[in-house]
PDB file of N, CA and C in Angstrom:
ATOM      1  N   MET A   1     -19.566   8.758  16.737  1.00  0.00           N
ATOM      2  CA  MET A   1     -19.331   7.853  17.250  1.00  0.00           C
ATOM      3  C   MET A   1     -18.190   7.005  16.343  1.00  0.00           C
ATOM      4  N   CYS A   2     -17.149   5.707  16.613  1.00  0.00           N
ATOM      5  CA  CYS A   2     -16.493   5.593  16.111  1.00  0.00           C
ATOM      6  C   CYS A   2     -16.779   4.355  16.070  1.00  0.00           C
ATOM      7  N   GLU A   3     -17.331   3.600  15.100  1.00  0.00           N
ATOM      8  CA  GLU A   3     -17.671   2.002  14.364  1.00  0.00           C
ATOM      9  C   GLU A   3     -16.716   1.231  13.769  1.00  0.00           C
ATOM     10  N   PHE A   4     -16.333   0.039  14.323  1.00  0.00           N
ATOM     11  CA  PHE A   4     -14.940  -0.483  13.543  1.00  0.00           C
ATOM     12  C   PHE A   4     -15.612  -1.423  12.481  1.00  0.00           C
ATOM     13  N   LYS A   5     -14.814  -1.540  11.316  1.00  0.00           N
ATOM     14  CA  LYS A   5     -14.439  -2.781  10.665  1.00  0.00           C
ATOM     15  C   LYS A   5     -13.796  -3.637  10.920  1.00  0.00           C
ATOM     16  N   MET A   6     -14.261  -4.795  11.374  1.00  0.00           N
ATOM     17  CA  MET A   6     -13.395  -6.164  12.051  1.00  0.00           C
ATOM     18  C   MET A   6     -13.073  -6.901  10.510  1.00  0.00           C
ATOM     19  N   PHE A   7     -11.459  -7.222  10.718  1.00  0.00           N
ATOM     20  CA  PHE A   7     -11.016  -8.054   9.446  1.00  0.00           C
ATOM     21  C   PHE A   7     -10.123  -9.452  10.240  1.00  0.00           C
ATOM     22  N   LEU A   8     -10.383 -10.108   9.433  1.00  0.00           N
ATOM     23  CA  LEU A   8      -9.778 -11.666  10.195  1.00  0.00           C
ATOM     24  C   LEU A   8      -9.073 -12.250   8.663  1.00  0.00           C
ATOM     25  N   ASN A   9      -7.540 -12.432   8.693  1.00  0.00           N
ATOM     26  CA  ASN A   9      -7.100 -12.492   7.691  1.00  0.00           C
ATOM     27  C   ASN A   9      -7.273 -11.894   6.250  1.00  0.00           C
ATOM     28  N   GLY A  10      -7.475 -10.738   6.816  1.00  0.00           N
ATOM     29  CA  GLY A  10      -7.538  -9.868   5.051  1.00  0.00           C
ATOM     30  C   GLY A  10      -8.976  -9.413   4.752  1.00  0.00           C
ATOM     31  N   GLU A  11      -9.869 -10.657   5.653  1.00  0.00           N
ATOM     32  CA  GLU A  11     -11.458 -10.620   4.686  1.00  0.00           C
ATOM     33  C   GLU A  11     -12.161 -10.101   6.345  1.00  0.00           C
ATOM     34  N   ARG A  12     -13.327  -8.878   5.589  1.00  0.00           N
ATOM     35  CA  ARG A  12     -13.762  -8.324   6.850  1.00  0.00           C
ATOM     36  C   ARG A  12     -14.766  -9.488   6.846  1.00  0.00           C
ATOM     37  N   VAL A  13     -15.210  -9.096   8.193  1.00  0.00           N
ATOM     38  CA  VAL A  13     -15.920 -10.834   8.698  1.00  0.00           C
ATOM     39  C   VAL A  13     -17.149 -10.163   9.986  1.00  0.00           C
ATOM     40  N   PHE A  14     -16.992  -8.352  10.407  1.00  0.00           N
ATOM     41  CA  PHE A  14     -18.132  -7.895  11.128  1.00  0.00           C
ATOM     42  C   PHE A  14     -17.817  -6.111  10.745  1.00  0.00           C
ATOM     43  N   GLU A  15     -19.258  -5.382  10.742  1.00  0.00           N
ATOM     44  CA  GLU A  15     -18.976  -3.971  10.419  1.00  0.00           C
ATOM     45  C   GLU A  15     -19.663  -3.115  11.557  1.00  0.00           C
ATOM     46  N   ASP A  16     -19.566  -2.231  11.745  1.00  0.00           N
ATOM     47  CA  ASP A  16     -20.210  -1.441  12.967  1.00  0.00           C
ATOM     48  C   ASP A  16     -19.956  -1.708  14.131  1.00  0.00           C
ATOM     49  N   VAL A  17     -18.709  -2.310  14.414  1.00  0.00           N
ATOM     50  CA  VAL A  17     -18.179  -3.126  15.669  1.00  0.00           C
ATOM     51  C   VAL A  17     -18.052  -1.925  16.749  1.00  0.00           C
ATOM     52  N   ILE A  18     -18.745  -1.923  17.971  1.00  0.00           N
ATOM     53  CA  ILE A  18     -19.054  -0.836  19.007  1.00  0.00           C
ATOM     54  C   ILE A  18     -18.159  -1.292  20.092  1.00  0.00           C
ATOM     55  N   TYR A  19     -17.917  -2.591  20.757  1.00  0.00           N
ATOM     56  CA  TYR A  19     -17.848  -2.825  21.553  1.00  0.00           C
ATOM     57  C   TYR A  19     -17.048  -4.424  21.132  1.00  0.00           C
ATOM     58  N   ALA A  20     -15.209  -4.376  21.482  1.00  0.00           N
ATOM     59  CA  ALA A  20     -14.848  -5.915  21.479  1.00  0.00           C
ATOM     60  C   ALA A  20     -14.053  -6.007  23.370  1.00  0.00           C
ATOM     61  N   LYS A  21     -14.230  -7.181  23.216  1.00  0.00           N
ATOM     62  CA  LYS A  21     -13.362  -7.614  24.811  1.00  0.00           C
ATOM     63  C   LYS A  21     -12.650  -9.318  24.399  1.00  0.00           C
ATOM     64  N   VAL A  22     -11.863  -9.414  25.200  1.00  0.00           N
ATOM     65  CA  VAL A  22     -11.211 -10.358  24.852  1.00  0.00           C
ATOM     66  C   VAL A  22     -11.162 -11.104  26.302  1.00  0.00           C
ATOM     67  N   ALA A  23     -11.796 -12.256  26.072  1.00  0.00           N
ATOM     68  CA  ALA A  23     -11.710 -13.336  27.279  1.00  0.00           C
ATOM     69  C   ALA A  23     -11.070 -14.591  27.289  1.00  0.00           C
ATOM     70  N   GLU A  24     -10.183 -14.654  27.388  1.00  0.00           N
ATOM     71  CA  GLU A  24      -9.136 -16.100  27.353  1.00  0.00           C
ATOM     72  C   GLU A  24      -8.821 -16.060  25.640  1.00  0.00           C
ATOM     73  N   ASP A  25      -9.259 -16.966  24.893  1.00  0.00           N
ATOM     74  CA  ASP A  25      -8.878 -17.434  23.738  1.00  0.00           C
ATOM     75  C   ASP A  25     -10.201 -16.469  22.556  1.00  0.00           C
ATOM     76  N   HIS A  26     -10.648 -16.264  23.163  1.00  0.00           N
ATOM     77  CA  HIS A  26     -11.993 -15.812  22.509  1.00  0.00           C
ATOM     78  C   HIS A  26     -12.330 -13.701  22.384  1.00  0.00           C
ATOM     79  N   ILE A  27     -12.890 -13.562  20.773  1.00  0.00           N
ATOM     80  CA  ILE A  27     -12.826 -12.056  21.272  1.00  0.00           C
ATOM     81  C   ILE A  27     -14.393 -12.252  21.005  1.00  0.00           C
ATOM     82  N   TYR A  28     -15.378 -11.282  21.973  1.00  0.00           N
ATOM     83  CA  TYR A  28     -16.380 -10.988  21.902  1.00  0.00           C
ATOM     84  C   TYR A  28     -16.570  -9.814  21.372  1.00  0.00           C
ATOM     85  N   LEU A  29     -17.618  -9.621  20.328  1.00  0.00           N
ATOM     86  CA  LEU A  29     -18.174  -8.611  19.396  1.00  0.00           C
ATOM     87  C   LEU A  29     -19.741  -7.821  19.189  1.00  0.00           C
ATOM     88  N   ARG A  30     -19.608  -6.999  19.626  1.00  0.00           N
ATOM     89  CA  ARG A  30     -21.213  -5.861  19.434  1.00  0.00           C
ATOM     90  C   ARG A  30     -21.161  -5.253  18.646  1.00  0.00           C
ATOM     91  N   ASP A  31     -22.658  -4.568  18.128  1.00  0.00           N
ATOM     92  CA  ASP A  31     -22.279  -3.755  16.934  1.00  0.00           C
ATOM     93  C   ASP A  31     -23.167  -2.681  17.332  1.00  0.00           C
ATOM     94  N   VAL A  32     -23.476  -1.843  16.433  1.00  0.00           N
ATOM     95  CA  VAL A  32     -24.520  -0.333  17.130  1.00  0.00           C
ATOM     96  C   VAL A  32     -25.881  -1.281  17.112  1.00  0.00           C
ATOM     97  N   LEU A  33     -26.185  -2.113  16.647  1.00  0.00           N
ATOM     98  CA  LEU A  33     -27.045  -2.168  16.517  1.00  0.00           C
ATOM     99  C   LEU A  33     -28.064  -3.576  17.691  1.00  0.00           C
ATOM    100  N   GLY A  34     -26.670  -4.074  18.572  1.00  0.00           N
ATOM    101  CA  GLY A  34     -27.054  -4.815  19.656  1.00  0.00           C
ATOM    102  C   GLY A  34     -26.633  -6.501  19.100  1.00  0.00           C
ATOM    103  N   ARG A  35     -26.453  -6.571  17.839  1.00  0.00           N
ATOM    104  CA  ARG A  35     -26.028  -8.246  17.194  1.00  0.00           C
ATOM    105  C   ARG A  35     -24.716  -8.445  18.162  1.00  0.00           C
ATOM    106  N   SER A  36     -24.346  -9.530  18.398  1.00  0.00           N
ATOM    107  CA  SER A  36     -22.923 -10.430  18.602  1.00  0.00           C
ATOM    108  C   SER A  36     -21.661 -10.922  18.175  1.00  0.00           C
ATOM    109  N   LYS A  37     -21.409 -11.295  18.343  1.00  0.00           N
ATOM    110  CA  LYS A  37     -20.463 -12.122  17.546  1.00  0.00           C
ATOM    111  C   LYS A  37     -19.105 -12.279  18.407  1.00  0.00           C
ATOM    112  N   GLU A  38     -19.241 -13.858  18.717  1.00  0.00           N
ATOM    113  CA  GLU A  38     -18.221 -14.897  19.171  1.00  0.00           C
ATOM    114  C   GLU A  38     -16.599 -15.118  18.050  1.00  0.00           C
ATOM    115  N   ILE A  39     -15.695 -14.661  18.325  1.00  0.00           N
ATOM    116  CA  ILE A  39     -14.757 -14.762  17.203  1.00  0.00           C
ATOM    117  C   ILE A  39     -13.846 -16.270  18.259  1.00  0.00           C
ATOM    118  N   PRO A  40     -14.016 -17.431  17.838  1.00  0.00           N
ATOM    119  CA  PRO A  40     -13.158 -18.232  18.662  1.00  0.00           C
ATOM    120  C   PRO A  40     -11.665 -18.527  18.068  1.00  0.00           C
ATOM    121  N   ASN A  41     -10.798 -18.543  18.960  1.00  0.00           N
ATOM    122  CA  ASN A  41      -9.293 -18.648  18.775  1.00  0.00           C
ATOM    123  C   ASN A  41      -8.918 -17.715  18.420  1.00  0.00           C
ATOM    124  N   SER A  42      -8.706 -16.440  18.518  1.00  0.00           N
ATOM    125  CA  SER A  42      -8.270 -15.434  18.275  1.00  0.00           C
ATOM    126  C   SER A  42      -7.659 -14.256  19.211  1.00  0.00           C
ATOM    127  N   LYS A  43      -7.207 -13.335  18.681  1.00  0.00           N
ATOM    128  CA  LYS A  43      -6.532 -12.108  19.591  1.00  0.00           C
ATOM    129  C   LYS A  43      -6.363 -11.041  18.580  1.00  0.00           C
ATOM    130  N   ILE A  44      -6.665  -9.644  19.483  1.00  0.00           N
ATOM    131  CA  ILE A  44      -6.009  -8.406  18.504  1.00  0.00           C
ATOM    132  C   ILE A  44      -5.458  -8.028  18.103  1.00  0.00           C
ATOM    133  N   ILE A  45      -4.728  -7.637  16.801  1.00  0.00           N
ATOM    134  CA  ILE A  45      -3.574  -7.403  16.845  1.00  0.00           C
ATOM    135  C   ILE A  45      -3.312  -5.917  16.443  1.00  0.00           C
ATOM    136  N   GLU A  46      -4.230  -5.123  16.254  1.00  0.00           N
ATOM    137  CA  GLU A  46      -4.083  -4.046  15.615  1.00  0.00           C
ATOM    138  C   GLU A  46      -5.465  -3.256  15.921  1.00  0.00           C
ATOM    139  N   VAL A  47      -5.428  -2.086  16.311  1.00  0.00           N
ATOM    140  CA  VAL A  47      -6.595  -1.482  16.193  1.00  0.00           C
ATOM    141  C   VAL A  47      -6.299   0.146  15.718  1.00  0.00           C
ATOM    142  N   ASP A  48      -6.756   0.286  14.590  1.00  0.00           N
ATOM    143  CA  ASP A  48      -6.792   1.535  14.151  1.00  0.00           C
ATOM    144  C   ASP A  48      -7.522   2.665  13.690  1.00  0.00           C
ATOM    145  N   VAL A  49      -8.052   3.888  14.956  1.00  0.00           N
ATOM    146  CA  VAL A  49      -8.875   4.433  15.265  1.00  0.00           C
ATOM    147  C   VAL A  49      -9.173   5.593  13.678  1.00  0.00           C
ATOM    148  N   ASN A  50      -7.840   5.907  12.970  1.00  0.00           N
ATOM    149  CA  ASN A  50      -8.114   6.897  12.217  1.00  0.00           C
ATOM    150  C   ASN A  50      -8.684   6.207  10.824  1.00  0.00           C
ATOM    151  N   SER A  51      -8.529   5.065  10.448  1.00  0.00           N
ATOM    152  CA  SER A  51      -8.879   3.776   9.538  1.00  0.00           C
ATOM    153  C   SER A  51     -10.270   3.226   9.616  1.00  0.00           C
ATOM    154  N   GLU A  52     -10.657   3.202  11.246  1.00  0.00           N
ATOM    155  CA  GLU A  52     -11.930   2.804  11.807  1.00  0.00           C
ATOM    156  C   GLU A  52     -11.427   0.952  11.717  1.00  0.00           C
ATOM    157  N   ARG A  53     -10.817   0.166  11.863  1.00  0.00           N
ATOM    158  CA  ARG A  53     -10.568  -0.815  11.532  1.00  0.00           C
ATOM    159  C   ARG A  53      -9.630  -1.780  12.901  1.00  0.00           C
ATOM    160  N   LEU A  54     -10.034  -2.596  13.152  1.00  0.00           N
ATOM    161  CA  LEU A  54     -10.066  -3.734  14.097  1.00  0.00           C
ATOM    162  C   LEU A  54      -9.436  -5.008  13.243  1.00  0.00           C
ATOM    163  N   ILE A  55      -8.116  -5.166  13.774  1.00  0.00           N
ATOM    164  CA  ILE A  55      -7.379  -6.454  13.012  1.00  0.00           C
ATOM    165  C   ILE A  55      -7.066  -7.566  13.870  1.00  0.00           C
ATOM    166  N   ILE A  56      -8.017  -8.725  13.532  1.00  0.00           N
ATOM    167  CA  ILE A  56      -7.468  -9.759  14.615  1.00  0.00           C
ATOM    168  C   ILE A  56      -6.952 -10.959  13.803  1.00  0.00           C
ATOM    169  N   ALA A  57      -6.538 -11.880  14.627  1.00  0.00           N
ATOM    170  CA  ALA A  57      -5.799 -12.915  14.099  1.00  0.00           C
ATOM    171  C   ALA A  57      -5.840 -13.909  14.922  1.00  0.00           C
ATOM    172  N   ARG A  58      -6.010 -15.000  14.038  1.00  0.00           N
ATOM    173  CA  ARG A  58      -6.091 -16.361  14.982  1.00  0.00           C
ATOM    174  C   ARG A  58      -4.553 -17.362  15.477  1.00  0.00           C
ATOM    175  N   ILE A  59      -5.357 -17.614  16.776  1.00  0.00           N
ATOM    176  CA  ILE A  59      -4.247 -18.369  17.750  1.00  0.00           C
ATOM    177  C   ILE A  59      -3.866 -19.811  17.623  1.00  0.00           C
ATOM    178  N   GLU A  60      -2.885 -20.064  17.486  1.00  0.00           N
ATOM    179  CA  GLU A  60      -2.555 -21.754  17.517  1.00  0.00           C
ATOM    180  C   GLU A  60      -2.597 -22.412  18.829  1.00  0.00           C
ATOM    181  N   ASP A  61      -3.386 -23.575  18.234  1.00  0.00           N
ATOM    182  CA  ASP A  61      -4.160 -24.312  19.163  1.00  0.00           C
ATOM    183  C   ASP A  61      -3.186 -24.885  20.381  1.00  0.00           C
ATOM    184  N   ARG A  62      -3.210 -24.712  21.460  1.00  0.00           N
ATOM    185  CA  ARG A  62      -1.764 -24.378  22.580  1.00  0.00           C
ATOM    186  C   ARG A  62      -1.880 -25.887  23.261  1.00  0.00           C
ATOM    187  N   LYS A  63      -3.698 -26.601  22.931  1.00  0.00           N
ATOM    188  CA  LYS A  63      -3.742 -27.960  23.552  1.00  0.00           C
ATOM    189  C   LYS A  63      -3.755 -28.943  22.809  1.00  0.00           C
ATOM    190  N   GLN A  64      -2.426 -28.826  21.697  1.00  0.00           N
ATOM    191  CA  GLN A  64      -2.219 -30.102  21.448  1.00  0.00           C
ATOM    192  C   GLN A  64      -0.026 -30.372  21.784  1.00  0.00           C
ATOM    193  N   VAL A  65       0.152 -31.429  21.920  1.00  0.00           N
ATOM    194  CA  VAL A  65       1.376 -31.549  22.428  1.00  0.00           C
ATOM    195  C   VAL A  65       1.812 -31.762  20.645  1.00  0.00           C
ATOM    196  N   PRO A  66       3.396 -31.385  20.440  1.00  0.00           N
ATOM    197  CA  PRO A  66       3.942 -31.593  19.418  1.00  0.00           C
ATOM    198  C   PRO A  66       4.210 -33.097  19.183  1.00  0.00           C
ATOM    199  N   ALA A  67       4.406 -33.192  17.863  1.00  0.00           N
ATOM    200  CA  ALA A  67       4.698 -34.956  17.800  1.00  0.00           C
ATOM    201  C   ALA A  67       6.134 -34.981  18.098  1.00  0.00           C
ATOM    202  N   GLN A  68       6.909 -34.232  18.307  1.00  0.00           N
ATOM    203  CA  GLN A  68       8.054 -34.217  18.575  1.00  0.00           C
ATOM    204  C   GLN A  68       8.323 -34.571  20.096  1.00  0.00           C
ATOM    205  N   TRP A  69       7.475 -34.008  20.828  1.00  0.00           N
ATOM    206  CA  TRP A  69       7.480 -34.569  22.411  1.00  0.00           C
ATOM    207  C   TRP A  69       7.192 -35.386  22.401  1.00  0.00           C
ATOM    208  N   THR A  70       5.747 -36.302  21.592  1.00  0.00           N
ATOM    209  CA  THR A  70       5.441 -37.544  21.961  1.00  0.00           C
ATOM    210  C   THR A  70       6.318 -38.788  21.440  1.00  0.00           C
ATOM    211  N   ILE A  71       7.165 -38.115  20.825  1.00  0.00           N
ATOM    212  CA  ILE A  71       8.619 -39.355  20.401  1.00  0.00           C
ATOM    213  C   ILE A  71       9.392 -38.960  21.649  1.00  0.00           C
ATOM    214  N   VAL A  72       9.625 -38.159  22.245  1.00  0.00           N
ATOM    215  CA  VAL A  72      10.655 -37.830  23.247  1.00  0.00           C
ATOM    216  C   VAL A  72      10.059 -39.019  24.534  1.00  0.00           C
ATOM    217  N   PHE A  73       8.563 -38.628  24.575  1.00  0.00           N
ATOM    218  CA  PHE A  73       8.085 -38.937  25.593  1.00  0.00           C
ATOM    219  C   PHE A  73       8.204 -41.011  25.303  1.00  0.00           C
ATOM    220  N   TRP A  74       8.272 -41.258  24.500  1.00  0.00           N
ATOM    221  CA  TRP A  74       8.031 -42.716  23.969  1.00  0.00           C
ATOM    222  C   TRP A  74       9.283 -43.013  24.412  1.00  0.00           C
ATOM    223  N   PHE A  75      10.557 -42.222  24.011  1.00  0.00           N
ATOM    224  CA  PHE A  75      12.034 -42.938  23.954  1.00  0.00           C
ATOM    225  C   PHE A  75      12.437 -42.945  25.782  1.00  0.00           C
ATOM    226  N   TRP A  76      11.759 -42.026  26.515  1.00  0.00           N
ATOM    227  CA  TRP A  76      12.100 -42.049  27.813  1.00  0.00           C
ATOM    228  C   TRP A  76      11.506 -43.109  28.587  1.00  0.00           C
ATOM    229  N   CYS A  77      10.247 -43.354  28.055  1.00  0.00           N
ATOM    230  CA  CYS A  77       9.410 -44.420  28.776  1.00  0.00           C
ATOM    231  C   CYS A  77      10.407 -45.811  28.589  1.00  0.00           C
ATOM    232  N   GLN A  78      10.769 -45.981  27.157  1.00  0.00           N
ATOM    233  CA  GLN A  78      11.789 -47.129  26.957  1.00  0.00           C
ATOM    234  C   GLN A  78      12.737 -47.301  28.286  1.00  0.00           C
ATOM    235  N   LEU A  79      13.485 -46.245  27.664  1.00  0.00           N
ATOM    236  CA  LEU A  79      14.643 -46.159  28.477  1.00  0.00           C
ATOM    237  C   LEU A  79      15.002 -46.276  29.885  1.00  0.00           C
ATOM    238  N   ILE A  80      14.208 -45.013  30.158  1.00  0.00           N
ATOM    239  CA  ILE A  80      14.718 -45.151  31.920  1.00  0.00           C
ATOM    240  C   ILE A  80      13.079 -46.291  33.012  1.00  0.00           C
ATOM    241  N   LEU A  81      11.854 -45.961  31.830  1.00  0.00           N
ATOM    242  CA  LEU A  81      11.124 -46.558  33.050  1.00  0.00           C
ATOM    243  C   LEU A  81      10.798 -48.334  33.002  1.00  0.00           C
ATOM    244  N   PHE A  82      11.353 -48.863  31.717  1.00  0.00           N
ATOM    245  CA  PHE A  82      11.448 -50.137  31.124  1.00  0.00           C
ATOM    246  C   PHE A  82      12.549 -50.919  30.859  1.00  0.00           C
ATOM    247  N   PRO A  83      13.613 -50.504  31.896  1.00  0.00           N
ATOM    248  CA  PRO A  83      14.889 -50.581  31.285  1.00  0.00           C
ATOM    249  C   PRO A  83      14.957 -52.124  31.058  1.00  0.00           C
ATOM    250  N   TYR A  84      14.905 -52.691  32.432  1.00  0.00           N
ATOM    251  CA  TYR A  84      14.815 -54.447  32.424  1.00  0.00           C
ATOM    252  C   TYR A  84      13.937 -54.886  31.869  1.00  0.00           C
ATOM    253  N   GLN A  85      13.026 -54.802  30.687  1.00  0.00           N
ATOM    254  CA  GLN A  85      12.106 -55.773  30.117  1.00  0.00           C
ATOM    255  C   GLN A  85      12.350 -56.649  29.361  1.00  0.00           C
ATOM    256  N   SER A  86      12.094 -58.309  29.899  1.00  0.00           N
ATOM    257  CA  SER A  86      13.115 -59.264  28.976  1.00  0.00           C
ATOM    258  C   SER A  86      12.401 -59.037  27.680  1.00  0.00           C
ATOM    259  N   VAL A  87      12.772 -59.351  26.320  1.00  0.00           N
ATOM    260  CA  VAL A  87      12.675 -59.277  25.405  1.00  0.00           C
ATOM    261  C   VAL A  87      12.509 -60.955  24.591  1.00  0.00           C
ATOM    262  N   SER A  88      11.193 -61.368  24.145  1.00  0.00           N
ATOM    263  CA  SER A  88      10.864 -62.992  24.519  1.00  0.00           C
ATOM    264  C   SER A  88      10.884 -62.734  22.742  1.00  0.00           C
TER     265      SER A  88
END
């Protein structure tokens, strides 16, 4: 049977993996003994059967709004939405 060693950022984090499932931004793993592990915010980037390696990487947090967009939105509100506000 083929059991994989799972690596994250070059570090071995789980061994004897026989099952891997990607669900949204999580990876669910199970080993030969039935132990399971969930790796959040990650994706599979390489499966090497000859070396029995499963390489994963963290994915960026897509929920955060970049700071430059916050600034652009602020200027847009000031120029477009509130151009006739009186300054005291």
